[in-house]
C-alpha atoms as a PDB file:
ATOM      1  CA  UNK A   1      18.762  18.019  38.678  1.00  0.00           C
ATOM      2  CA  UNK A   2      19.018  17.041  35.014  1.00  0.00           C
ATOM      3  CA  UNK A   3      22.204  15.063  35.719  1.00  0.00           C
ATOM      4  CA  UNK A   4      20.386  13.143  38.468  1.00  0.00           C
ATOM      5  CA  UNK A   5      17.526  12.286  36.103  1.00  0.00           C
ATOM      6  CA  UNK A   6      19.954  11.090  33.418  1.00  0.00           C
ATOM      7  CA  UNK A   7      21.876   9.025  35.985  1.00  0.00           C
ATOM      8  CA  UNK A   8      18.663   7.375  37.240  1.00  0.00           C
ATOM      9  CA  UNK A   9      17.592   6.656  33.655  1.00  0.00           C
ATOM     10  CA  UNK A  10      20.915   5.036  32.775  1.00  0.00           C
ATOM     11  CA  UNK A  11      20.888   3.031  36.012  1.00  0.00           C
ATOM     12  CA  UNK A  12      17.354   1.754  35.314  1.00  0.00           C
ATOM     13  CA  UNK A  13      18.335   0.698  31.790  1.00  0.00           C
ATOM     14  CA  UNK A  14      21.520  -0.918  33.108  1.00  0.00           C
ATOM     15  CA  UNK A  15      19.479  -3.010  35.555  1.00  0.00           C
ATOM     16  CA  UNK A  16      17.051  -3.989  32.783  1.00  0.00           C
ATOM     17  CA  UNK A  17      19.876  -5.091  30.464  1.00  0.00           C
ATOM     18  CA  UNK A  18      21.628  -7.064  33.224  1.00  0.00           C
ATOM     19  CA  UNK A  19      18.383  -8.778  34.210  1.00  0.00           C
ATOM     20  CA  UNK A  20      17.609  -9.776  30.626  1.00  0.00           C
ATOM     21  CA  UNK A  21      21.091 -11.188  30.036  1.00  0.00           C
ATOM     22  CA  UNK A  22      20.884 -13.093  33.319  1.00  0.00           C
ATOM     23  CA  UNK A  23      17.577 -14.652  32.272  1.00  0.00           C
ATOM     24  CA  UNK A  24      19.050 -15.524  28.862  1.00  0.00           C
ATOM     25  CA  UNK A  25      22.672 -16.545  29.550  1.00  0.00           C
ATOM     26  CA  UNK A  26      23.156 -17.739  25.968  1.00  0.00           C
ATOM     27  CA  UNK A  27      22.459 -14.222  24.669  1.00  0.00           C
ATOM     28  CA  UNK A  28      25.448 -11.963  24.014  1.00  0.00           C
ATOM     29  CA  UNK A  29      25.391  -8.187  24.225  1.00  0.00           C
ATOM     30  CA  UNK A  30      26.011  -7.995  20.475  1.00  0.00           C
ATOM     31  CA  UNK A  31      23.033 -10.279  19.811  1.00  0.00           C
ATOM     32  CA  UNK A  32      20.815  -8.209  22.094  1.00  0.00           C
ATOM     33  CA  UNK A  33      21.876  -5.058  20.252  1.00  0.00           C
ATOM     34  CA  UNK A  34      21.025  -6.638  16.904  1.00  0.00           C
ATOM     35  CA  UNK A  35      17.649  -8.009  18.018  1.00  0.00           C
ATOM     36  CA  UNK A  36      16.557  -4.820  19.772  1.00  0.00           C
ATOM     37  CA  UNK A  37      17.843  -2.582  16.952  1.00  0.00           C
ATOM     38  CA  UNK A  38      20.023  -0.562  19.336  1.00  0.00           C
ATOM     39  CA  UNK A  39      23.587   0.431  18.320  1.00  0.00           C
ATOM     40  CA  UNK A  40      25.989  -1.957  20.028  1.00  0.00           C
ATOM     41  CA  UNK A  41      28.172   0.920  21.231  1.00  0.00           C
ATOM     42  CA  UNK A  42      25.169   2.514  22.928  1.00  0.00           C
ATOM     43  CA  UNK A  43      24.137  -0.788  24.505  1.00  0.00           C
ATOM     44  CA  UNK A  44      27.661  -1.425  25.811  1.00  0.00           C
ATOM     45  CA  UNK A  45      27.801   2.009  27.437  1.00  0.00           C
ATOM     46  CA  UNK A  46      24.374   1.527  29.015  1.00  0.00           C
ATOM     47  CA  UNK A  47      25.270  -1.969  30.238  1.00  0.00           C
ATOM     48  CA  UNK A  48      28.362  -0.526  31.905  1.00  0.00           C
ATOM     49  CA  UNK A  49      26.542   2.537  33.226  1.00  0.00           C
ATOM     50  CA  UNK A  50      28.938   4.695  31.227  1.00  0.00           C
ATOM     51  CA  UNK A  51      26.631   6.532  28.808  1.00  0.00           C
ATOM     52  CA  UNK A  52      28.003  10.072  28.585  1.00  0.00           C
ATOM     53  CA  UNK A  53      25.952  11.570  25.770  1.00  0.00           C
ATOM     54  CA  UNK A  54      22.209  12.073  25.438  1.00  0.00           C
ATOM     55  CA  UNK A  55      20.477   8.781  24.675  1.00  0.00           C
ATOM     56  CA  UNK A  56      18.457   8.677  21.456  1.00  0.00           C
ATOM     57  CA  UNK A  57      14.784   8.237  22.474  1.00  0.00           C
ATOM     58  CA  UNK A  58      14.165   5.570  19.842  1.00  0.00           C
ATOM     59  CA  UNK A  59      17.073   3.496  21.216  1.00  0.00           C
ATOM     60  CA  UNK A  60      15.470   3.480  24.665  1.00  0.00           C
ATOM     61  CA  UNK A  61      12.076   2.604  23.178  1.00  0.00           C
ATOM     62  CA  UNK A  62      13.561  -0.174  21.037  1.00  0.00           C
ATOM     63  CA  UNK A  63      15.392  -1.653  24.010  1.00  0.00           C
ATOM     64  CA  UNK A  64      12.558  -1.702  26.546  1.00  0.00           C
ATOM     65  CA  UNK A  65       9.992  -2.804  23.959  1.00  0.00           C
ATOM     66  CA  UNK A  66      12.160  -5.766  22.988  1.00  0.00           C
ATOM     67  CA  UNK A  67      13.194  -6.787  26.516  1.00  0.00           C
ATOM     68  CA  UNK A  68       9.631  -6.625  27.859  1.00  0.00           C
ATOM     69  CA  UNK A  69       8.074  -8.043  24.668  1.00  0.00           C
ATOM     70  CA  UNK A  70       5.486  -5.284  24.866  1.00  0.00           C
ATOM     71  CA  UNK A  71       4.324  -3.459  21.742  1.00  0.00           C
ATOM     72  CA  UNK A  72       1.516  -1.393  23.242  1.00  0.00           C
ATOM     73  CA  UNK A  73       2.960   1.990  24.202  1.00  0.00           C
ATOM     74  CA  UNK A  74       0.468   2.730  26.982  1.00  0.00           C
ATOM     75  CA  UNK A  75       1.038  -0.658  28.662  1.00  0.00           C
ATOM     76  CA  UNK A  76       4.791  -0.307  28.197  1.00  0.00           C
ATOM     77  CA  UNK A  77       4.830   2.816  30.360  1.00  0.00           C
ATOM     78  CA  UNK A  78       3.167   0.874  33.154  1.00  0.00           C
ATOM     79  CA  UNK A  79       5.854  -1.829  33.141  1.00  0.00           C
ATOM     80  CA  UNK A  80       9.068   0.211  33.189  1.00  0.00           C
ATOM     81  CA  UNK A  81      10.807   2.123  35.985  1.00  0.00           C
ATOM     82  CA  UNK A  82       9.427   5.639  36.650  1.00  0.00           C
ATOM     83  CA  UNK A  83      12.509   7.362  35.196  1.00  0.00           C
ATOM     84  CA  UNK A  84      12.219   5.330  31.982  1.00  0.00           C
ATOM     85  CA  UNK A  85       8.461   5.981  31.813  1.00  0.00           C
ATOM     86  CA  UNK A  86       9.017   9.725  32.229  1.00  0.00           C
ATOM     87  CA  UNK A  87      11.655   9.708  29.487  1.00  0.00           C
ATOM     88  CA  UNK A  88       9.432   7.814  27.044  1.00  0.00           C
ATOM     89  CA  UNK A  89       6.396   9.920  27.912  1.00  0.00           C
ATOM     90  CA  UNK A  90       8.366  13.085  27.210  1.00  0.00           C
ATOM     91  CA  UNK A  91       9.414  11.897  23.758  1.00  0.00           C
ATOM     92  CA  UNK A  92       6.529   9.676  22.660  1.00  0.00           C
ATOM     93  CA  UNK A  93       3.621  10.826  24.805  1.00  0.00           C
ATOM     94  CA  UNK A  94       1.834  12.321  21.824  1.00  0.00           C
ATOM     95  CA  UNK A  95       1.370   8.855  20.297  1.00  0.00           C
ATOM     96  CA  UNK A  96      -0.003   7.464  23.563  1.00  0.00           C
ATOM     97  CA  UNK A  97      -2.238  10.478  24.149  1.00  0.00           C
ATOM     98  CA  UNK A  98      -3.736  10.374  20.661  1.00  0.00           C
ATOM     99  CA  UNK A  99      -4.053   6.608  20.262  1.00  0.00           C
ATOM    100  CA  UNK A 100      -4.031   4.516  23.472  1.00  0.00           C
ATOM    101  CA  UNK A 101      -4.082   1.316  21.409  1.00  0.00           C
ATOM    102  CA  UNK A 102      -1.025   2.290  19.361  1.00  0.00           C
ATOM    103  CA  UNK A 103       1.650  -0.390  19.108  1.00  0.00           C
ATOM    104  CA  UNK A 104       5.371  -0.171  18.457  1.00  0.00           C
ATOM    105  CA  UNK A 105       7.628  -2.957  17.271  1.00  0.00           C
ATOM    106  CA  UNK A 106      11.297  -2.825  16.387  1.00  0.00           C
ATOM    107  CA  UNK A 107      10.959  -5.029  13.294  1.00  0.00           C
ATOM    108  CA  UNK A 108       8.199  -2.871  11.829  1.00  0.00           C
ATOM    109  CA  UNK A 109      10.022   0.339  12.715  1.00  0.00           C
ATOM    110  CA  UNK A 110      13.139  -0.929  10.935  1.00  0.00           C
ATOM    111  CA  UNK A 111      11.301  -2.202   7.851  1.00  0.00           C
ATOM    112  CA  UNK A 112       9.258   0.977   7.390  1.00  0.00           C
ATOM    113  CA  UNK A 113      12.349   3.144   7.045  1.00  0.00           C
ATOM    114  CA  UNK A 114      11.740   2.361   3.365  1.00  0.00           C
ATOM    115  CA  UNK A 115       9.460   5.131   2.066  1.00  0.00           C
ATOM    116  CA  UNK A 116       7.480   2.984  -0.388  1.00  0.00           C
ATOM    117  CA  UNK A 117       6.913   0.265   2.203  1.00  0.00           C
ATOM    118  CA  UNK A 118       5.796   2.923   4.667  1.00  0.00           C
ATOM    119  CA  UNK A 119       3.175   4.347   2.303  1.00  0.00           C
ATOM    120  CA  UNK A 120       1.933   0.878   1.332  1.00  0.00           C
ATOM    121  CA  UNK A 121       1.728  -0.119   4.984  1.00  0.00           C
ATOM    122  CA  UNK A 122      -0.312   2.985   5.799  1.00  0.00           C
ATOM    123  CA  UNK A 123      -2.815   1.954   3.118  1.00  0.00           C
ATOM    124  CA  UNK A 124      -2.832  -1.635   4.402  1.00  0.00           C
ATOM    125  CA  UNK A 125      -3.431  -0.380   7.946  1.00  0.00           C
ATOM    126  CA  UNK A 126      -6.800   1.078   6.969  1.00  0.00           C
ATOM    127  CA  UNK A 127      -9.738  -0.914   8.294  1.00  0.00           C
ATOM    128  CA  UNK A 128     -10.454  -2.405   4.854  1.00  0.00           C
ATOM    129  CA  UNK A 129      -6.807  -2.705   3.832  1.00  0.00           C
ATOM    130  CA  UNK A 130      -5.743  -2.021   0.264  1.00  0.00           C
ATOM    131  CA  UNK A 131      -5.386  -4.016  -2.971  1.00  0.00           C
ATOM    132  CA  UNK A 132      -2.731  -4.659  -5.572  1.00  0.00           C
ATOM    133  CA  UNK A 133      -4.440  -2.427  -8.149  1.00  0.00           C
ATOM    134  CA  UNK A 134      -4.133   0.552  -5.796  1.00  0.00           C
ATOM    135  CA  UNK A 135      -0.517  -0.362  -5.058  1.00  0.00           C
ATOM    136  CA  UNK A 136       0.369  -0.565  -8.768  1.00  0.00           C
ATOM    137  CA  UNK A 137      -1.468   2.690  -9.573  1.00  0.00           C
ATOM    138  CA  UNK A 138       0.565   4.517  -6.935  1.00  0.00           C
ATOM    139  CA  UNK A 139       3.925   2.719  -6.919  1.00  0.00           C
ATOM    140  CA  UNK A 140       4.165   0.641 -10.092  1.00  0.00           C
ATOM    141  CA  UNK A 141       6.077  -2.643 -10.301  1.00  0.00           C
ATOM    142  CA  UNK A 142       8.299  -1.486  -7.431  1.00  0.00           C
ATOM    143  CA  UNK A 143       5.210  -1.435  -5.233  1.00  0.00           C
ATOM    144  CA  UNK A 144       4.456  -5.092  -6.010  1.00  0.00           C
ATOM    145  CA  UNK A 145       8.007  -6.005  -5.047  1.00  0.00           C
ATOM    146  CA  UNK A 146       7.681  -4.155  -1.734  1.00  0.00           C
ATOM    147  CA  UNK A 147       4.390  -5.934  -0.961  1.00  0.00           C
ATOM    148  CA  UNK A 148       6.076  -9.300  -1.457  1.00  0.00           C
ATOM    149  CA  UNK A 149       8.906  -8.248   0.860  1.00  0.00           C
ATOM    150  CA  UNK A 150       6.412  -7.153   3.517  1.00  0.00           C
ATOM    151  CA  UNK A 151       4.602 -10.492   3.136  1.00  0.00           C
ATOM    152  CA  UNK A 152       7.843 -12.420   3.517  1.00  0.00           C
ATOM    153  CA  UNK A 153       8.511 -10.578   6.784  1.00  0.00           C
ATOM    154  CA  UNK A 154       5.000 -11.376   8.035  1.00  0.00           C
ATOM    155  CA  UNK A 155       4.091  -7.687   8.220  1.00  0.00           C
ATOM    156  CA  UNK A 156       1.158  -7.840   5.794  1.00  0.00           C
ATOM    157  CA  UNK A 157      -1.275 -10.592   4.850  1.00  0.00           C
ATOM    158  CA  UNK A 158      -3.558 -11.004   1.846  1.00  0.00           C
ATOM    159  CA  UNK A 159      -7.173 -12.072   2.327  1.00  0.00           C
ATOM    160  CA  UNK A 160      -9.855 -12.152  -0.369  1.00  0.00           C
ATOM    161  CA  UNK A 161      -7.858  -9.858  -2.626  1.00  0.00           C
ATOM    162  CA  UNK A 162      -7.139  -7.334   0.127  1.00  0.00           C
ATOM    163  CA  UNK A 163      -3.770  -6.600   1.730  1.00  0.00           C
ATOM    164  CA  UNK A 164      -3.949  -6.007   5.480  1.00  0.00           C
ATOM    165  CA  UNK A 165      -1.261  -4.709   7.850  1.00  0.00           C
ATOM    166  CA  UNK A 166      -0.222  -6.883  10.777  1.00  0.00           C
ATOM    167  CA  UNK A 167      -0.499  -3.906  13.139  1.00  0.00           C
ATOM    168  CA  UNK A 168      -3.379  -1.600  12.269  1.00  0.00           C
ATOM    169  CA  UNK A 169      -2.638   0.887  15.061  1.00  0.00           C
ATOM    170  CA  UNK A 170       1.100   1.310  14.681  1.00  0.00           C
ATOM    171  CA  UNK A 171       3.622   3.958  15.706  1.00  0.00           C
ATOM    172  CA  UNK A 172       7.138   4.654  14.504  1.00  0.00           C
ATOM    173  CA  UNK A 173       9.957   6.410  16.271  1.00  0.00           C
ATOM    174  CA  UNK A 174      10.096  10.144  15.635  1.00  0.00           C
ATOM    175  CA  UNK A 175      13.111  10.066  13.355  1.00  0.00           C
ATOM    176  CA  UNK A 176      11.502   7.565  10.987  1.00  0.00           C
ATOM    177  CA  UNK A 177       8.111   9.294  11.055  1.00  0.00           C
ATOM    178  CA  UNK A 178       9.688  12.705  10.406  1.00  0.00           C
ATOM    179  CA  UNK A 179      11.718  11.342   7.485  1.00  0.00           C
ATOM    180  CA  UNK A 180       8.477  10.380   5.714  1.00  0.00           C
ATOM    181  CA  UNK A 181       6.727  13.738   6.171  1.00  0.00           C
ATOM    182  CA  UNK A 182       7.918  15.075   2.783  1.00  0.00           C
ATOM    183  CA  UNK A 183       6.415  12.023   1.050  1.00  0.00           C
ATOM    184  CA  UNK A 184       3.063  12.534   2.776  1.00  0.00           C
ATOM    185  CA  UNK A 185       3.042  16.263   2.027  1.00  0.00           C
ATOM    186  CA  UNK A 186       3.861  15.400  -1.585  1.00  0.00           C
ATOM    187  CA  UNK A 187       0.572  13.489  -1.801  1.00  0.00           C
ATOM    188  CA  UNK A 188      -1.390  16.672  -1.109  1.00  0.00           C
ATOM    189  CA  UNK A 189      -3.329  17.788  -4.217  1.00  0.00           C
ATOM    190  CA  UNK A 190      -4.176  21.532  -4.045  1.00  0.00           C
ATOM    191  CA  UNK A 191      -5.837  21.358  -7.459  1.00  0.00           C
ATOM    192  CA  UNK A 192      -8.657  19.258  -6.003  1.00  0.00           C
ATOM    193  CA  UNK A 193      -9.544  21.711  -3.217  1.00  0.00           C
ATOM    194  CA  UNK A 194     -12.876  22.468  -4.884  1.00  0.00           C
ATOM    195  CA  UNK A 195     -14.041  18.887  -4.369  1.00  0.00           C
ATOM    196  CA  UNK A 196     -14.144  19.463  -0.611  1.00  0.00           C
ATOM    197  CA  UNK A 197     -12.075  16.436   0.412  1.00  0.00           C
ATOM    198  CA  UNK A 198      -8.853  18.152   1.471  1.00  0.00           C
ATOM    199  CA  UNK A 199      -7.730  21.086   3.596  1.00  0.00           C
ATOM    200  CA  UNK A 200      -4.596  23.107   4.252  1.00  0.00           C
ATOM    201  CA  UNK A 201      -3.895  25.703   6.948  1.00  0.00           C
ATOM    202  CA  UNK A 202      -0.591  27.465   7.515  1.00  0.00           C
ATOM    203  CA  UNK A 203      -0.149  30.060  10.280  1.00  0.00           C
ATOM    204  CA  UNK A 204       2.898  31.622  11.915  1.00  0.00           C
ATOM    205  CA  UNK A 205       3.631  34.289  14.543  1.00  0.00           C
ATOM    206  CA  UNK A 206       6.224  35.044  17.221  1.00  0.00           C
ATOM    207  CA  UNK A 207       4.685  33.822  20.485  1.00  0.00           C
ATOM    208  CA  UNK A 208       5.371  33.359  24.183  1.00  0.00           C
ATOM    209  CA  UNK A 209       6.090  29.913  25.617  1.00  0.00           C
ATOM    210  CA  UNK A 210       2.721  30.102  27.407  1.00  0.00           C
ATOM    211  CA  UNK A 211       0.859  30.743  24.153  1.00  0.00           C
ATOM    212  CA  UNK A 212       2.649  27.854  22.461  1.00  0.00           C
ATOM    213  CA  UNK A 213       1.682  25.553  25.331  1.00  0.00           C
ATOM    214  CA  UNK A 214      -1.941  26.670  24.945  1.00  0.00           C
ATOM    215  CA  UNK A 215      -1.859  25.985  21.201  1.00  0.00           C
ATOM    216  CA  UNK A 216      -0.368  22.521  21.803  1.00  0.00           C
ATOM    217  CA  UNK A 217      -3.187  21.750  24.242  1.00  0.00           C
ATOM    218  CA  UNK A 218      -5.773  22.877  21.680  1.00  0.00           C
ATOM    219  CA  UNK A 219      -4.094  20.812  18.996  1.00  0.00           C
ATOM    220  CA  UNK A 220      -4.115  17.702  21.183  1.00  0.00           C
ATOM    221  CA  UNK A 221      -7.771  18.237  22.038  1.00  0.00           C
ATOM    222  CA  UNK A 222      -8.567  18.564  18.350  1.00  0.00           C
ATOM    223  CA  UNK A 223      -6.571  15.444  17.481  1.00  0.00           C
ATOM    224  CA  UNK A 224      -8.432  13.461  20.143  1.00  0.00           C
ATOM    225  CA  UNK A 225     -11.759  14.530  18.655  1.00  0.00           C
ATOM    226  CA  UNK A 226     -10.556  13.732  15.132  1.00  0.00           C
ATOM    227  CA  UNK A 227      -9.379  10.311  16.290  1.00  0.00           C
ATOM    228  CA  UNK A 228     -12.815   9.651  17.792  1.00  0.00           C
ATOM    229  CA  UNK A 229     -14.513  10.533  14.490  1.00  0.00           C
ATOM    230  CA  UNK A 230     -12.129   8.361  12.484  1.00  0.00           C
ATOM    231  CA  UNK A 231     -12.819   5.364  14.733  1.00  0.00           C
ATOM    232  CA  UNK A 232     -16.617   5.566  14.748  1.00  0.00           C
ATOM    233  CA  UNK A 233     -18.122   2.508  13.013  1.00  0.00           C
ATOM    234  CA  UNK A 234     -20.353   4.734  10.885  1.00  0.00           C
ATOM    235  CA  UNK A 235     -17.320   6.746   9.719  1.00  0.00           C
ATOM    236  CA  UNK A 236     -15.506   3.791   8.152  1.00  0.00           C
ATOM    237  CA  UNK A 237     -15.691   3.946   4.365  1.00  0.00           C
ATOM    238  CA  UNK A 238     -13.554   3.333   1.283  1.00  0.00           C
ATOM    239  CA  UNK A 239     -11.684   6.648   0.763  1.00  0.00           C
ATOM    240  CA  UNK A 240      -8.070   6.472   2.041  1.00  0.00           C
ATOM    241  CA  UNK A 241      -7.645   9.678   4.043  1.00  0.00           C
ATOM    242  CA  UNK A 242      -4.728  11.063   6.023  1.00  0.00           C
ATOM    243  CA  UNK A 243      -4.116  14.138   8.136  1.00  0.00           C
ATOM    244  CA  UNK A 244      -0.879  15.654   9.448  1.00  0.00           C
ATOM    245  CA  UNK A 245      -0.824  17.713  12.634  1.00  0.00           C
ATOM    246  CA  UNK A 246       2.516  19.448  12.870  1.00  0.00           C
ATOM    247  CA  UNK A 247       3.791  22.524  14.694  1.00  0.00           C
ATOM    248  CA  UNK A 248       7.335  23.748  15.354  1.00  0.00           C
ATOM    249  CA  UNK A 249       9.362  26.789  16.310  1.00  0.00           C
ATOM    250  CA  UNK A 250      11.531  28.506  13.714  1.00  0.00           C
ATOM    251  CA  UNK A 251      14.557  28.313  15.982  1.00  0.00           C
ATOM    252  CA  UNK A 252      17.816  26.421  15.751  1.00  0.00           C
ATOM    253  CA  UNK A 253      17.791  23.232  17.817  1.00  0.00           C
ATOM    254  CA  UNK A 254      19.216  24.036  21.246  1.00  0.00           C
ATOM    255  CA  UNK A 255      18.537  20.657  22.867  1.00  0.00           C
ATOM    256  CA  UNK A 256      20.842  18.006  21.339  1.00  0.00           C
ATOM    257  CA  UNK A 257      19.381  14.518  21.498  1.00  0.00           C
ATOM    258  CA  UNK A 258      15.806  15.748  21.822  1.00  0.00           C
ATOM    259  CA  UNK A 259      14.026  14.387  18.752  1.00  0.00           C
ATOM    260  CA  UNK A 260      10.630  15.941  19.367  1.00  0.00           C
END
């Protein structure tokens, strides 16, 4: 059954690649790989229907997002073949579930592999953006350099002294997002707990698969409610605030290629 699903996925991607190259005869496979931020070896295997290993989820997302010129994750699922939609939903469904307006773009995903740019962009993605004073206080002269690089790429703009992100509701592929978790956790300040602005909960237990599924459902429900609060007009203020919702099993990875 799994082999059939993988075969259908590869076939759907093969058809998509062939169709795009047919519509753009001047485009080479190497150029498509570069523009879509997909390894050329992976793209060649997919184009020939010869992919033998598990496909990295972010490679599939990069490819279909570029070919269809669609950054909105929810709309993207509506435009791809069912097997591709199922694959993307399995790996990125949490982003779509929590933020239906979330966008994904290969250029932003590539640029924000840089940790400092990522943190600056998160500040700039707030409704009121950020400013250079805040950037310098947190990242020094290096921060100013990163802002200029983001400006040059058209990813941030400056208006009335405020720096605003091009995409306010943005998503990154799981590998990039996970790589920045240590930096976000490092911003947590336990010494300020008494001020009532931060929280931390850590729980662990050996559970059944059913219990874990129930906890994931509760977590998603909570995240949806939190997202609703954060997007209420009356909630918008001037305090940059972030929250991380993370859960995992303490088991060795037994599913190669699965980046969840």
